[in-house]
Each structure stands twice: as structure tokens, then as C-alpha cells.
Amino acid sequence: MLIRLDPELKDKLLRIARREGKSASGAVREMIAKYVLERDIGAHIDELWGRVGSKLRAKGAGRSDIERTIQEVRRKRS
């Protein structure tokens, strides 16, 4: 992927990235990943269900309990 930047913006990016111990490419990759994650509703939902599952497992729930709980919540919201 080729990205064209205004020279002043590029210089600022390089300075900030260097100060954070990153390359400009690394900083841009990080920003793009964050951008996609913030806008990918599917990822948010997967992450949320992951947290719910972790909490249920911590309480001793098994896989079938977690799946049953997910189905119950989905039925209630339909």
C-alpha cells in the first residue's frame, strides 16, 4: 500500500513515532489496526462474547452452559 503524506505531516509522524520508539510504518500499522477495530462491529461482538464467556468460565460454567446462556440472551432480545 502506498500512502502519500504532506511533507510537514510526514516529519511530525516520524518525530512522534521515534519518540515512542516506533518506526513510522509501525505507527501507521497500529493506527490502521485501531481504525479497523473501532469500526468492525463483528469484532466488538466477538470480543464482548469472549468477555462474557471468560466470566462464566470463572464462575465454573462449562461450554454448554455458555452456549445456552448466549442462546437465552439472543432469544430475549429478538
PDB file of N, CA and C in Angstrom:
ATOM      1  N   MET A   1       0.854  -1.166   0.000  1.00  0.00           N
ATOM      2  CA  MET A   1       0.000   0.000   0.000  1.00  0.00           C
ATOM      3  C   MET A   1       0.902   1.233   0.000  1.00  0.00           C
ATOM      4  N   LEU A   2       0.562   2.165  -0.815  1.00  0.00           N
ATOM      5  CA  LEU A   2       1.321   3.408  -0.896  1.00  0.00           C
ATOM      6  C   LEU A   2       0.463   4.528  -0.331  1.00  0.00           C
ATOM      7  N   ILE A   3       1.013   5.280   0.586  1.00  0.00           N
ATOM      8  CA  ILE A   3       0.296   6.397   1.197  1.00  0.00           C
ATOM      9  C   ILE A   3       1.108   7.659   0.985  1.00  0.00           C
ATOM     10  N   ARG A   4       0.479   8.665   0.452  1.00  0.00           N
ATOM     11  CA  ARG A   4       1.146   9.947   0.229  1.00  0.00           C
ATOM     12  C   ARG A   4       0.779  10.899   1.361  1.00  0.00           C
ATOM     13  N   LEU A   5       1.794  11.497   1.942  1.00  0.00           N
ATOM     14  CA  LEU A   5       1.587  12.438   3.038  1.00  0.00           C
ATOM     15  C   LEU A   5       2.201  13.783   2.703  1.00  0.00           C
ATOM     16  N   ASP A   6       1.595  14.802   3.196  1.00  0.00           N
ATOM     17  CA  ASP A   6       2.147  16.142   3.140  1.00  0.00           C
ATOM     18  C   ASP A   6       3.492  16.086   3.884  1.00  0.00           C
ATOM     19  N   PRO A   7       4.553  16.681   3.366  1.00  0.00           N
ATOM     20  CA  PRO A   7       5.880  16.595   3.995  1.00  0.00           C
ATOM     21  C   PRO A   7       5.897  17.022   5.461  1.00  0.00           C
ATOM     22  N   GLU A   8       5.137  18.054   5.792  1.00  0.00           N
ATOM     23  CA  GLU A   8       5.102  18.516   7.189  1.00  0.00           C
ATOM     24  C   GLU A   8       4.476  17.450   8.090  1.00  0.00           C
ATOM     25  N   LEU A   9       3.398  16.834   7.621  1.00  0.00           N
ATOM     26  CA  LEU A   9       2.744  15.779   8.388  1.00  0.00           C
ATOM     27  C   LEU A   9       3.670  14.570   8.525  1.00  0.00           C
ATOM     28  N   LYS A  10       4.373  14.229   7.467  1.00  0.00           N
ATOM     29  CA  LYS A  10       5.315  13.114   7.500  1.00  0.00           C
ATOM     30  C   LYS A  10       6.408  13.356   8.533  1.00  0.00           C
ATOM     31  N   ASP A  11       6.956  14.581   8.558  1.00  0.00           N
ATOM     32  CA  ASP A  11       8.003  14.913   9.541  1.00  0.00           C
ATOM     33  C   ASP A  11       7.477  14.785  10.968  1.00  0.00           C
ATOM     34  N   LYS A  12       6.249  15.253  11.201  1.00  0.00           N
ATOM     35  CA  LYS A  12       5.662  15.141  12.543  1.00  0.00           C
ATOM     36  C   LYS A  12       5.465  13.684  12.925  1.00  0.00           C
ATOM     37  N   LEU A  13       4.970  12.884  11.979  1.00  0.00           N
ATOM     38  CA  LEU A  13       4.780  11.457  12.223  1.00  0.00           C
ATOM     39  C   LEU A  13       6.104  10.796  12.591  1.00  0.00           C
ATOM     40  N   LEU A  14       7.148  11.090  11.831  1.00  0.00           N
ATOM     41  CA  LEU A  14       8.459  10.497  12.095  1.00  0.00           C
ATOM     42  C   LEU A  14       8.972  10.873  13.481  1.00  0.00           C
ATOM     43  N   ARG A  15       8.820  12.151  13.853  1.00  0.00           N
ATOM     44  CA  ARG A  15       9.297  12.610  15.172  1.00  0.00           C
ATOM     45  C   ARG A  15       8.532  11.917  16.297  1.00  0.00           C
ATOM     46  N   ILE A  16       7.213  11.880  16.167  1.00  0.00           N
ATOM     47  CA  ILE A  16       6.395  11.276  17.224  1.00  0.00           C
ATOM     48  C   ILE A  16       6.666   9.778  17.337  1.00  0.00           C
ATOM     49  N   ALA A  17       6.724   9.101  16.208  1.00  0.00           N
ATOM     50  CA  ALA A  17       6.996   7.656  16.220  1.00  0.00           C
ATOM     51  C   ALA A  17       8.352   7.374  16.851  1.00  0.00           C
ATOM     52  N   ARG A  18       9.359   8.140  16.463  1.00  0.00           N
ATOM     53  CA  ARG A  18      10.710   7.963  17.006  1.00  0.00           C
ATOM     54  C   ARG A  18      10.699   8.149  18.524  1.00  0.00           C
ATOM     55  N   ARG A  19       9.973   9.179  18.977  1.00  0.00           N
ATOM     56  CA  ARG A  19       9.888   9.469  20.412  1.00  0.00           C
ATOM     57  C   ARG A  19       9.249   8.299  21.160  1.00  0.00           C
ATOM     58  N   GLU A  20       8.325   7.589  20.501  1.00  0.00           N
ATOM     59  CA  GLU A  20       7.657   6.436  21.111  1.00  0.00           C
ATOM     60  C   GLU A  20       8.404   5.127  20.873  1.00  0.00           C
ATOM     61  N   GLY A  21       9.562   5.219  20.206  1.00  0.00           N
ATOM     62  CA  GLY A  21      10.359   4.024  19.951  1.00  0.00           C
ATOM     63  C   GLY A  21       9.798   3.148  18.849  1.00  0.00           C
ATOM     64  N   LYS A  22       9.056   3.760  17.936  1.00  0.00           N
ATOM     65  CA  LYS A  22       8.448   3.009  16.834  1.00  0.00           C
ATOM     66  C   LYS A  22       8.961   3.538  15.509  1.00  0.00           C
ATOM     67  N   SER A  23       8.792   2.728  14.478  1.00  0.00           N
ATOM     68  CA  SER A  23       9.052   3.217  13.126  1.00  0.00           C
ATOM     69  C   SER A  23       7.772   3.902  12.652  1.00  0.00           C
ATOM     70  N   ALA A  24       7.895   4.731  11.612  1.00  0.00           N
ATOM     71  CA  ALA A  24       6.704   5.359  11.037  1.00  0.00           C
ATOM     72  C   ALA A  24       5.762   4.277  10.523  1.00  0.00           C
ATOM     73  N   SER A  25       6.313   3.244   9.876  1.00  0.00           N
ATOM     74  CA  SER A  25       5.481   2.148   9.365  1.00  0.00           C
ATOM     75  C   SER A  25       4.747   1.442  10.492  1.00  0.00           C
ATOM     76  N   GLY A  26       5.444   1.223  11.602  1.00  0.00           N
ATOM     77  CA  GLY A  26       4.815   0.569  12.756  1.00  0.00           C
ATOM     78  C   GLY A  26       3.688   1.416  13.324  1.00  0.00           C
ATOM     79  N   ALA A  27       3.914   2.724  13.403  1.00  0.00           N
ATOM     80  CA  ALA A  27       2.881   3.629  13.916  1.00  0.00           C
ATOM     81  C   ALA A  27       1.666   3.630  12.995  1.00  0.00           C
ATOM     82  N   VAL A  28       1.902   3.653  11.685  1.00  0.00           N
ATOM     83  CA  VAL A  28       0.793   3.652  10.724  1.00  0.00           C
ATOM     84  C   VAL A  28       0.036   2.328  10.803  1.00  0.00           C
ATOM     85  N   ARG A  29       0.751   1.206  10.895  1.00  0.00           N
ATOM     86  CA  ARG A  29       0.078  -0.091  11.030  1.00  0.00           C
ATOM     87  C   ARG A  29      -0.801  -0.114  12.280  1.00  0.00           C
ATOM     88  N   GLU A  30      -0.270   0.407  13.376  1.00  0.00           N
ATOM     89  CA  GLU A  30      -1.009   0.455  14.631  1.00  0.00           C
ATOM     90  C   GLU A  30      -2.277   1.310  14.478  1.00  0.00           C
ATOM     91  N   MET A  31      -2.153   2.458  13.840  1.00  0.00           N
ATOM     92  CA  MET A  31      -3.309   3.336  13.643  1.00  0.00           C
ATOM     93  C   MET A  31      -4.359   2.697  12.754  1.00  0.00           C
ATOM     94  N   ILE A  32      -3.931   2.018  11.697  1.00  0.00           N
ATOM     95  CA  ILE A  32      -4.876   1.365  10.792  1.00  0.00           C
ATOM     96  C   ILE A  32      -5.584   0.221  11.516  1.00  0.00           C
ATOM     97  N   ALA A  33      -4.844  -0.551  12.292  1.00  0.00           N
ATOM     98  CA  ALA A  33      -5.450  -1.655  13.045  1.00  0.00           C
ATOM     99  C   ALA A  33      -6.496  -1.115  14.017  1.00  0.00           C
ATOM    100  N   LYS A  34      -6.175  -0.022  14.703  1.00  0.00           N
ATOM    101  CA  LYS A  34      -7.113   0.591  15.640  1.00  0.00           C
ATOM    102  C   LYS A  34      -8.342   1.113  14.897  1.00  0.00           C
ATOM    103  N   TYR A  35      -8.137   1.740  13.769  1.00  0.00           N
ATOM    104  CA  TYR A  35      -9.226   2.275  12.947  1.00  0.00           C
ATOM    105  C   TYR A  35     -10.192   1.165  12.545  1.00  0.00           C
ATOM    106  N   VAL A  36      -9.637   0.052  12.054  1.00  0.00           N
ATOM    107  CA  VAL A  36     -10.471  -1.068  11.612  1.00  0.00           C
ATOM    108  C   VAL A  36     -11.195  -1.684  12.806  1.00  0.00           C
ATOM    109  N   LEU A  37     -10.493  -1.890  13.911  1.00  0.00           N
ATOM    110  CA  LEU A  37     -11.092  -2.495  15.094  1.00  0.00           C
ATOM    111  C   LEU A  37     -12.255  -1.650  15.614  1.00  0.00           C
ATOM    112  N   GLU A  38     -12.075  -0.335  15.650  1.00  0.00           N
ATOM    113  CA  GLU A  38     -13.124   0.544  16.155  1.00  0.00           C
ATOM    114  C   GLU A  38     -14.360   0.536  15.271  1.00  0.00           C
ATOM    115  N   ARG A  39     -14.201   0.198  14.008  1.00  0.00           N
ATOM    116  CA  ARG A  39     -15.316   0.251  13.077  1.00  0.00           C
ATOM    117  C   ARG A  39     -15.848  -1.125  12.688  1.00  0.00           C
ATOM    118  N   ASP A  40     -15.233  -2.187  13.190  1.00  0.00           N
ATOM    119  CA  ASP A  40     -15.635  -3.552  12.857  1.00  0.00           C
ATOM    120  C   ASP A  40     -16.564  -4.075  13.946  1.00  0.00           C
ATOM    121  N   ILE A  41     -17.871  -3.922  13.735  1.00  0.00           N
ATOM    122  CA  ILE A  41     -18.859  -4.312  14.739  1.00  0.00           C
ATOM    123  C   ILE A  41     -18.767  -5.799  15.077  1.00  0.00           C
ATOM    124  N   GLY A  42     -18.443  -6.618  14.088  1.00  0.00           N
ATOM    125  CA  GLY A  42     -18.303  -8.053  14.340  1.00  0.00           C
ATOM    126  C   GLY A  42     -17.211  -8.340  15.359  1.00  0.00           C
ATOM    127  N   ALA A  43     -16.107  -7.620  15.254  1.00  0.00           N
ATOM    128  CA  ALA A  43     -15.008  -7.801  16.211  1.00  0.00           C
ATOM    129  C   ALA A  43     -15.442  -7.377  17.610  1.00  0.00           C
ATOM    130  N   HIS A  44     -16.227  -6.296  17.690  1.00  0.00           N
ATOM    131  CA  HIS A  44     -16.721  -5.850  19.001  1.00  0.00           C
ATOM    132  C   HIS A  44     -17.615  -6.915  19.623  1.00  0.00           C
ATOM    133  N   ILE A  45     -18.473  -7.484  18.810  1.00  0.00           N
ATOM    134  CA  ILE A  45     -19.387  -8.512  19.309  1.00  0.00           C
ATOM    135  C   ILE A  45     -18.607  -9.744  19.753  1.00  0.00           C
ATOM    136  N   ASP A  46     -17.642 -10.181  18.938  1.00  0.00           N
ATOM    137  CA  ASP A  46     -16.821 -11.342  19.303  1.00  0.00           C
ATOM    138  C   ASP A  46     -16.068 -11.090  20.601  1.00  0.00           C
ATOM    139  N   GLU A  47     -15.518  -9.900  20.745  1.00  0.00           N
ATOM    140  CA  GLU A  47     -14.763  -9.557  21.956  1.00  0.00           C
ATOM    141  C   GLU A  47     -15.693  -9.544  23.166  1.00  0.00           C
ATOM    142  N   LEU A  48     -16.900  -9.008  22.992  1.00  0.00           N
ATOM    143  CA  LEU A  48     -17.871  -8.977  24.082  1.00  0.00           C
ATOM    144  C   LEU A  48     -18.260 -10.390  24.512  1.00  0.00           C
ATOM    145  N   TRP A  49     -18.577 -11.256  23.534  1.00  0.00           N
ATOM    146  CA  TRP A  49     -18.924 -12.629  23.887  1.00  0.00           C
ATOM    147  C   TRP A  49     -17.740 -13.342  24.530  1.00  0.00           C
ATOM    148  N   GLY A  50     -16.528 -13.006  24.108  1.00  0.00           N
ATOM    149  CA  GLY A  50     -15.337 -13.579  24.736  1.00  0.00           C
ATOM    150  C   GLY A  50     -15.249 -13.202  26.206  1.00  0.00           C
ATOM    151  N   ARG A  51     -15.546 -11.941  26.509  1.00  0.00           N
ATOM    152  CA  ARG A  51     -15.520 -11.486  27.908  1.00  0.00           C
ATOM    153  C   ARG A  51     -16.616 -12.160  28.718  1.00  0.00           C
ATOM    154  N   VAL A  52     -17.817 -12.272  28.120  1.00  0.00           N
ATOM    155  CA  VAL A  52     -18.919 -12.948  28.809  1.00  0.00           C
ATOM    156  C   VAL A  52     -18.531 -14.397  29.100  1.00  0.00           C
ATOM    157  N   GLY A  53     -17.978 -15.077  28.084  1.00  0.00           N
ATOM    158  CA  GLY A  53     -17.560 -16.469  28.266  1.00  0.00           C
ATOM    159  C   GLY A  53     -16.508 -16.611  29.352  1.00  0.00           C
ATOM    160  N   SER A  54     -15.548 -15.685  29.393  1.00  0.00           N
ATOM    161  CA  SER A  54     -14.497 -15.734  30.418  1.00  0.00           C
ATOM    162  C   SER A  54     -15.089 -15.594  31.813  1.00  0.00           C
ATOM    163  N   LYS A  55     -16.042 -14.692  31.959  1.00  0.00           N
ATOM    164  CA  LYS A  55     -16.674 -14.501  33.273  1.00  0.00           C
ATOM    165  C   LYS A  55     -17.472 -15.731  33.679  1.00  0.00           C
ATOM    166  N   LEU A  56     -18.175 -16.316  32.708  1.00  0.00           N
ATOM    167  CA  LEU A  56     -18.932 -17.526  33.022  1.00  0.00           C
ATOM    168  C   LEU A  56     -18.011 -18.686  33.391  1.00  0.00           C
ATOM    169  N   ARG A  57     -16.903 -18.837  32.641  1.00  0.00           N
ATOM    170  CA  ARG A  57     -15.937 -19.907  32.956  1.00  0.00           C
ATOM    171  C   ARG A  57     -15.339 -19.695  34.339  1.00  0.00           C
ATOM    172  N   ALA A  58     -15.074 -18.437  34.699  1.00  0.00           N
ATOM    173  CA  ALA A  58     -14.512 -18.134  36.020  1.00  0.00           C
ATOM    174  C   ALA A  58     -15.489 -18.533  37.132  1.00  0.00           C
ATOM    175  N   LYS A  59     -16.778 -18.546  36.803  1.00  0.00           N
ATOM    176  CA  LYS A  59     -17.793 -18.954  37.778  1.00  0.00           C
ATOM    177  C   LYS A  59     -18.060 -20.449  37.729  1.00  0.00           C
ATOM    178  N   GLY A  60     -17.276 -21.163  36.901  1.00  0.00           N
ATOM    179  CA  GLY A  60     -17.415 -22.617  36.834  1.00  0.00           C
ATOM    180  C   GLY A  60     -18.328 -23.125  35.738  1.00  0.00           C
ATOM    181  N   ALA A  61     -18.792 -22.240  34.884  1.00  0.00           N
ATOM    182  CA  ALA A  61     -19.676 -22.667  33.791  1.00  0.00           C
ATOM    183  C   ALA A  61     -18.862 -23.377  32.718  1.00  0.00           C
ATOM    184  N   GLY A  62     -19.449 -24.400  32.124  1.00  0.00           N
ATOM    185  CA  GLY A  62     -18.804 -25.128  31.035  1.00  0.00           C
ATOM    186  C   GLY A  62     -19.254 -24.593  29.688  1.00  0.00           C
ATOM    187  N   ARG A  63     -18.729 -25.195  28.623  1.00  0.00           N
ATOM    188  CA  ARG A  63     -19.049 -24.750  27.256  1.00  0.00           C
ATOM    189  C   ARG A  63     -20.552 -24.793  26.978  1.00  0.00           C
ATOM    190  N   SER A  64     -21.209 -25.876  27.390  1.00  0.00           N
ATOM    191  CA  SER A  64     -22.649 -25.986  27.128  1.00  0.00           C
ATOM    192  C   SER A  64     -23.422 -24.915  27.896  1.00  0.00           C
ATOM    193  N   ASP A  65     -22.974 -24.585  29.107  1.00  0.00           N
ATOM    194  CA  ASP A  65     -23.615 -23.519  29.886  1.00  0.00           C
ATOM    195  C   ASP A  65     -23.469 -22.172  29.177  1.00  0.00           C
ATOM    196  N   ILE A  66     -22.283 -21.935  28.643  1.00  0.00           N
ATOM    197  CA  ILE A  66     -22.015 -20.674  27.952  1.00  0.00           C
ATOM    198  C   ILE A  66     -22.871 -20.580  26.698  1.00  0.00           C
ATOM    199  N   GLU A  67     -22.923 -21.651  25.910  1.00  0.00           N
ATOM    200  CA  GLU A  67     -23.728 -21.644  24.691  1.00  0.00           C
ATOM    201  C   GLU A  67     -25.211 -21.465  25.012  1.00  0.00           C
ATOM    202  N   ARG A  68     -25.683 -22.120  26.064  1.00  0.00           N
ATOM    203  CA  ARG A  68     -27.078 -21.988  26.476  1.00  0.00           C
ATOM    204  C   ARG A  68     -27.366 -20.547  26.912  1.00  0.00           C
ATOM    205  N   THR A  69     -26.471 -19.945  27.649  1.00  0.00           N
ATOM    206  CA  THR A  69     -26.649 -18.566  28.104  1.00  0.00           C
ATOM    207  C   THR A  69     -26.707 -17.608  26.918  1.00  0.00           C
ATOM    208  N   ILE A  70     -25.826 -17.807  25.947  1.00  0.00           N
ATOM    209  CA  ILE A  70     -25.825 -16.959  24.747  1.00  0.00           C
ATOM    210  C   ILE A  70     -27.158 -17.078  24.022  1.00  0.00           C
ATOM    211  N   GLN A  71     -27.652 -18.307  23.854  1.00  0.00           N
ATOM    212  CA  GLN A  71     -28.924 -18.521  23.166  1.00  0.00           C
ATOM    213  C   GLN A  71     -30.080 -17.860  23.927  1.00  0.00           C
ATOM    214  N   GLU A  72     -30.065 -17.949  25.260  1.00  0.00           N
ATOM    215  CA  GLU A  72     -31.116 -17.326  26.070  1.00  0.00           C
ATOM    216  C   GLU A  72     -31.114 -15.808  25.894  1.00  0.00           C
ATOM    217  N   VAL A  73     -29.945 -15.214  25.916  1.00  0.00           N
ATOM    218  CA  VAL A  73     -29.842 -13.762  25.748  1.00  0.00           C
ATOM    219  C   VAL A  73     -30.331 -13.366  24.367  1.00  0.00           C
ATOM    220  N   ARG A  74     -29.928 -14.110  23.357  1.00  0.00           N
ATOM    221  CA  ARG A  74     -30.372 -13.797  21.992  1.00  0.00           C
ATOM    222  C   ARG A  74     -31.883 -13.920  21.836  1.00  0.00           C
ATOM    223  N   ARG A  75     -32.483 -14.939  22.461  1.00  0.00           N
ATOM    224  CA  ARG A  75     -33.943 -15.106  22.384  1.00  0.00           C
ATOM    225  C   ARG A  75     -34.652 -13.932  23.056  1.00  0.00           C
ATOM    226  N   LYS A  76     -34.137 -13.491  24.192  1.00  0.00           N
ATOM    227  CA  LYS A  76     -34.753 -12.380  24.921  1.00  0.00           C
ATOM    228  C   LYS A  76     -34.701 -11.086  24.118  1.00  0.00           C
ATOM    229  N   ARG A  77     -33.666 -10.915  23.313  1.00  0.00           N
ATOM    230  CA  ARG A  77     -33.501  -9.679  22.563  1.00  0.00           C
ATOM    231  C   ARG A  77     -34.212  -9.690  21.222  1.00  0.00           C
ATOM    232  N   SER A  78     -34.720 -10.850  20.797  1.00  0.00           N
ATOM    233  CA  SER A  78     -35.390 -10.964  19.491  1.00  0.00           C
ATOM    234  C   SER A  78     -36.800 -10.459  19.541  1.00  0.00           C
TER     235      SER A  78
END
